Amino acid sequence: MAPSPQLPSARTPSVPAALPPPEPANGSERFVGLDATVLDFWRFGMSDLRTNTLRGYLAEFLVARAVGADRSRVEWDPFDVLTPQGIRIEVKSTGFVQAWTQVKQRESRSWTIPRAVPYDTITGKPCGPRDFQADVYVFAVHTARSHDEYNALDLSQWTFYVLSLSQITSLPRNKNDAACATLLRVQTRTRAVSYAELAATVLDTAAAV
């Protein structure tokens, strides 16, 4: 039997929580003074999974489920997903179908990855240097090319690219020292993997550092 890969030592989130985490909502919670529920709010604001913001949240959710992370996303963390092994993951997403009318579909895709300063939410002070804060970077691409076929919940329509921190630092930088990733640059550094392959690829990428 092959030896288990050596993973980074377990880490706690870079930003400690100042308050206990909120109980996950189930949608039935009611507003006070309004005949509506949290589910009504979700339907109002979070129904179109083609929007860039919601597609990003969905990609983070998919990655978290793939690697077995069970904590809810933390808005102020300098990374998106923390695996049970302590691997910090930054998730970037894109898609070819947008929520608005597209006269011509853009084939190029790009992401800016800034260097961030982690903050302690108890003291309000930095708790680490400005840098790239994740060990592994996952680029999630929704591949549908038309609204008729678009289904954000169909995992066969998603493709994933996984890069290590060292691969991110090798990317070109902009004037703010943020890494500039394009789909082509990502594709020349790693192969596309399916959702079923994602967890193992994350572990292998982290272990190879």
Protein backbone atom coordinates (compact mmCIF):
# COMPACT_ATOMS: atom_id res chain seq x y z
CA MET A 1 0.00 0.00 0.00
CA ALA A 2 1.35 3.42 -0.95
CA PRO A 3 2.15 5.74 1.99
CA SER A 4 -0.32 8.52 2.72
CA PRO A 5 0.70 11.91 1.34
CA GLN A 6 2.22 14.35 3.79
CA LEU A 7 -0.25 17.19 4.24
CA PRO A 8 0.24 20.63 5.77
CA SER A 9 -0.12 20.66 9.53
CA ALA A 10 -3.68 21.33 10.68
CA ARG A 11 -4.54 25.00 10.93
CA THR A 12 -7.27 26.95 12.58
CA PRO A 13 -8.84 29.76 10.54
CA SER A 14 -6.57 32.78 10.25
CA VAL A 15 -9.36 34.99 11.59
CA PRO A 16 -10.67 33.78 14.96
CA ALA A 17 -14.38 34.16 15.50
CA ALA A 18 -15.37 36.91 17.92
CA LEU A 19 -18.87 35.49 18.36
CA PRO A 20 -20.31 31.97 18.35
CA PRO A 21 -21.24 30.92 14.81
CA PRO A 22 -24.90 31.49 13.95
CA GLU A 23 -27.27 28.56 13.80
CA PRO A 24 -27.85 27.60 10.15
CA ALA A 25 -31.21 28.86 8.93
CA ASN A 26 -33.64 26.31 7.52
CA GLY A 27 -35.82 28.81 5.66
CA SER A 28 -38.86 28.60 7.91
CA GLU A 29 -37.75 31.42 10.22
CA ARG A 30 -40.27 34.27 10.14
CA PHE A 31 -39.69 38.00 10.08
CA VAL A 32 -41.08 40.04 12.95
CA GLY A 33 -43.52 42.62 11.62
CA LEU A 34 -43.62 41.15 8.11
CA ASP A 35 -45.56 38.20 6.70
CA ALA A 36 -42.52 36.54 5.16
CA THR A 37 -39.92 33.89 5.90
CA VAL A 38 -36.21 33.50 5.28
CA LEU A 39 -37.17 31.19 2.40
CA ASP A 40 -39.09 34.07 0.81
CA PHE A 41 -35.95 36.19 1.11
CA TRP A 42 -33.82 33.46 -0.46
CA ARG A 43 -36.28 33.18 -3.36
CA PHE A 44 -36.21 36.95 -3.82
CA GLY A 45 -32.46 37.43 -3.79
CA MET A 46 -30.83 34.08 -4.46
CA SER A 47 -32.82 32.31 -7.18
CA ASP A 48 -30.72 33.15 -10.24
CA LEU A 49 -27.62 30.97 -10.01
CA ARG A 50 -26.27 32.50 -13.22
CA THR A 51 -25.28 35.71 -11.42
CA ASN A 52 -21.60 36.06 -10.68
CA THR A 53 -22.08 36.53 -6.94
CA LEU A 54 -24.31 33.50 -6.42
CA ARG A 55 -22.25 31.35 -8.78
CA GLY A 56 -19.25 32.18 -6.61
CA TYR A 57 -21.06 31.15 -3.43
CA LEU A 58 -22.25 27.98 -5.13
CA ALA A 59 -18.72 27.11 -6.25
CA GLU A 60 -17.48 27.54 -2.67
CA PHE A 61 -20.27 25.26 -1.46
CA LEU A 62 -19.40 22.59 -4.03
CA VAL A 63 -15.72 22.67 -3.11
CA ALA A 64 -16.50 22.54 0.61
CA ARG A 65 -18.74 19.50 0.13
CA ALA A 66 -16.15 17.79 -2.07
CA VAL A 67 -13.39 18.04 0.55
CA GLY A 68 -15.59 17.33 3.56
CA ALA A 69 -15.53 20.80 5.09
CA ASP A 70 -18.56 21.26 7.32
CA ARG A 71 -18.28 24.84 8.54
CA SER A 72 -20.35 27.59 6.94
CA ARG A 73 -18.57 30.21 4.86
CA VAL A 74 -17.08 33.05 6.89
CA GLU A 75 -17.36 36.41 5.16
CA TRP A 76 -14.21 37.88 6.68
CA ASP A 77 -11.84 34.92 6.30
CA PRO A 78 -8.90 35.51 3.94
CA PHE A 79 -9.64 32.15 2.29
CA ASP A 80 -12.88 30.36 1.39
CA VAL A 81 -12.72 26.75 2.57
CA LEU A 82 -10.79 25.00 5.33
CA THR A 83 -10.49 21.23 4.91
CA PRO A 84 -10.48 18.79 7.84
CA GLN A 85 -6.73 18.36 7.16
CA GLY A 86 -6.14 22.09 7.61
CA ILE A 87 -5.69 22.94 3.93
CA ARG A 88 -6.77 26.48 3.15
CA ILE A 89 -8.56 26.80 -0.20
CA GLU A 90 -9.38 29.88 -2.23
CA VAL A 91 -12.21 29.33 -4.73
CA LYS A 92 -12.58 31.32 -7.94
CA SER A 93 -15.49 30.79 -10.31
CA THR A 94 -16.74 31.80 -13.72
CA GLY A 95 -19.16 30.69 -16.42
CA PHE A 96 -19.81 31.27 -20.10
CA VAL A 97 -23.52 32.01 -19.59
CA GLN A 98 -24.35 35.24 -17.75
CA ALA A 99 -27.58 36.50 -16.24
CA TRP A 100 -27.81 39.32 -18.76
CA THR A 101 -28.27 39.34 -22.54
CA GLN A 102 -24.98 38.60 -24.26
CA VAL A 103 -24.53 39.91 -27.78
CA LYS A 104 -21.35 37.90 -28.14
CA GLN A 105 -20.05 35.29 -25.72
CA ARG A 106 -16.57 35.93 -24.37
CA GLU A 107 -14.30 32.91 -24.55
CA SER A 108 -11.60 34.42 -22.33
CA ARG A 109 -11.98 34.32 -18.57
CA SER A 110 -9.84 36.03 -15.95
CA TRP A 111 -9.47 36.35 -12.20
CA THR A 112 -7.55 38.76 -9.97
CA ILE A 113 -6.10 37.23 -6.81
CA PRO A 114 -5.04 39.91 -4.33
CA ARG A 115 -2.62 39.53 -1.46
CA ALA A 116 -4.66 39.97 1.71
CA VAL A 117 -4.02 40.81 5.35
CA PRO A 118 -5.80 38.51 7.83
CA TYR A 119 -7.55 40.33 10.67
CA ASP A 120 -8.38 39.24 14.19
CA THR A 121 -12.05 40.10 14.64
CA ILE A 122 -11.64 40.31 18.42
CA THR A 123 -8.88 42.94 18.44
CA GLY A 124 -9.54 44.41 15.00
CA LYS A 125 -5.81 44.19 14.31
CA PRO A 126 -3.85 42.29 11.65
CA CYS A 127 -2.84 38.79 12.72
CA GLY A 128 -0.51 38.01 9.82
CA PRO A 129 1.39 39.55 6.91
CA ARG A 130 -0.13 40.67 3.61
CA ASP A 131 0.24 37.70 1.32
CA PHE A 132 -1.62 35.03 -0.62
CA GLN A 133 -3.50 33.31 2.18
CA ALA A 134 -4.47 29.92 0.72
CA ASP A 135 -2.49 26.72 0.18
CA VAL A 136 -4.56 25.59 -2.81
CA TYR A 137 -6.57 27.57 -5.38
CA VAL A 138 -9.56 26.01 -7.11
CA PHE A 139 -10.89 27.57 -10.32
CA ALA A 140 -14.46 26.41 -10.94
CA VAL A 141 -15.76 26.89 -14.48
CA HIS A 142 -19.38 26.32 -15.43
CA THR A 143 -19.16 25.11 -19.00
CA ALA A 144 -22.72 25.47 -20.37
CA ARG A 145 -22.82 27.64 -23.50
CA SER A 146 -26.54 28.44 -23.71
CA HIS A 147 -29.38 29.35 -21.37
CA ASP A 148 -31.35 26.35 -22.58
CA GLU A 149 -28.76 23.87 -21.35
CA TYR A 150 -27.60 25.85 -18.29
CA ASN A 151 -28.12 23.97 -15.03
CA ALA A 152 -25.95 25.14 -12.16
CA LEU A 153 -27.02 22.09 -10.13
CA ASP A 154 -25.73 19.60 -12.72
CA LEU A 155 -22.19 18.77 -11.61
CA SER A 156 -21.33 17.39 -15.05
CA GLN A 157 -21.47 20.99 -16.31
CA TRP A 158 -18.68 22.07 -13.94
CA THR A 159 -14.96 21.75 -14.61
CA PHE A 160 -12.29 22.40 -11.96
CA TYR A 161 -8.65 23.45 -12.13
CA VAL A 162 -6.48 23.19 -9.02
CA LEU A 163 -3.29 25.22 -8.56
CA SER A 164 -0.82 25.30 -5.71
CA LEU A 165 0.31 28.45 -3.94
CA SER A 166 3.65 28.33 -5.76
CA GLN A 167 1.84 28.23 -9.11
CA ILE A 168 -0.23 31.26 -8.09
CA THR A 169 2.85 33.23 -7.09
CA SER A 170 4.38 32.50 -10.50
CA LEU A 171 1.53 34.27 -12.32
CA PRO A 172 1.98 37.78 -13.72
CA ARG A 173 1.14 40.61 -11.29
CA ASN A 174 -0.73 43.87 -11.76
CA LYS A 175 0.29 47.24 -10.34
CA ASN A 176 -1.23 46.30 -6.96
CA ASP A 177 0.82 43.08 -6.85
CA ALA A 178 -2.26 40.92 -7.31
CA ALA A 179 -1.82 37.73 -9.30
CA CYS A 180 -3.54 37.84 -12.69
CA ALA A 181 -4.95 34.48 -13.72
CA THR A 182 -6.60 33.80 -17.05
CA LEU A 183 -8.29 30.59 -18.07
CA LEU A 184 -5.50 29.97 -20.56
CA ARG A 185 -2.78 30.52 -17.94
CA VAL A 186 -4.57 28.16 -15.56
CA GLN A 187 -5.03 25.52 -18.27
CA THR A 188 -1.32 25.60 -19.15
CA ARG A 189 -0.41 24.90 -15.51
CA THR A 190 -2.79 22.05 -14.68
CA ARG A 191 -5.38 19.72 -16.18
CA ALA A 192 -9.12 19.99 -15.82
CA VAL A 193 -10.73 17.61 -13.33
CA SER A 194 -14.31 16.56 -12.74
CA TYR A 195 -16.16 17.05 -9.48
CA ALA A 196 -15.55 13.40 -8.60
CA GLU A 197 -11.79 13.98 -8.91
CA LEU A 198 -11.71 17.30 -7.06
CA ALA A 199 -11.08 16.17 -3.48
CA ALA A 200 -8.18 13.89 -4.38
CA THR A 201 -6.67 16.58 -6.60
CA VAL A 202 -6.80 19.12 -3.77
CA LEU A 203 -5.04 16.68 -1.41
CA ASP A 204 -2.41 15.80 -4.02
CA THR A 205 -1.76 19.45 -4.82
CA ALA A 206 -1.37 20.37 -1.15
CA ALA A 207 0.92 17.40 -0.53
CA ALA A 208 3.17 18.29 -3.47
CA VAL A 209 4.11 21.67 -1.99
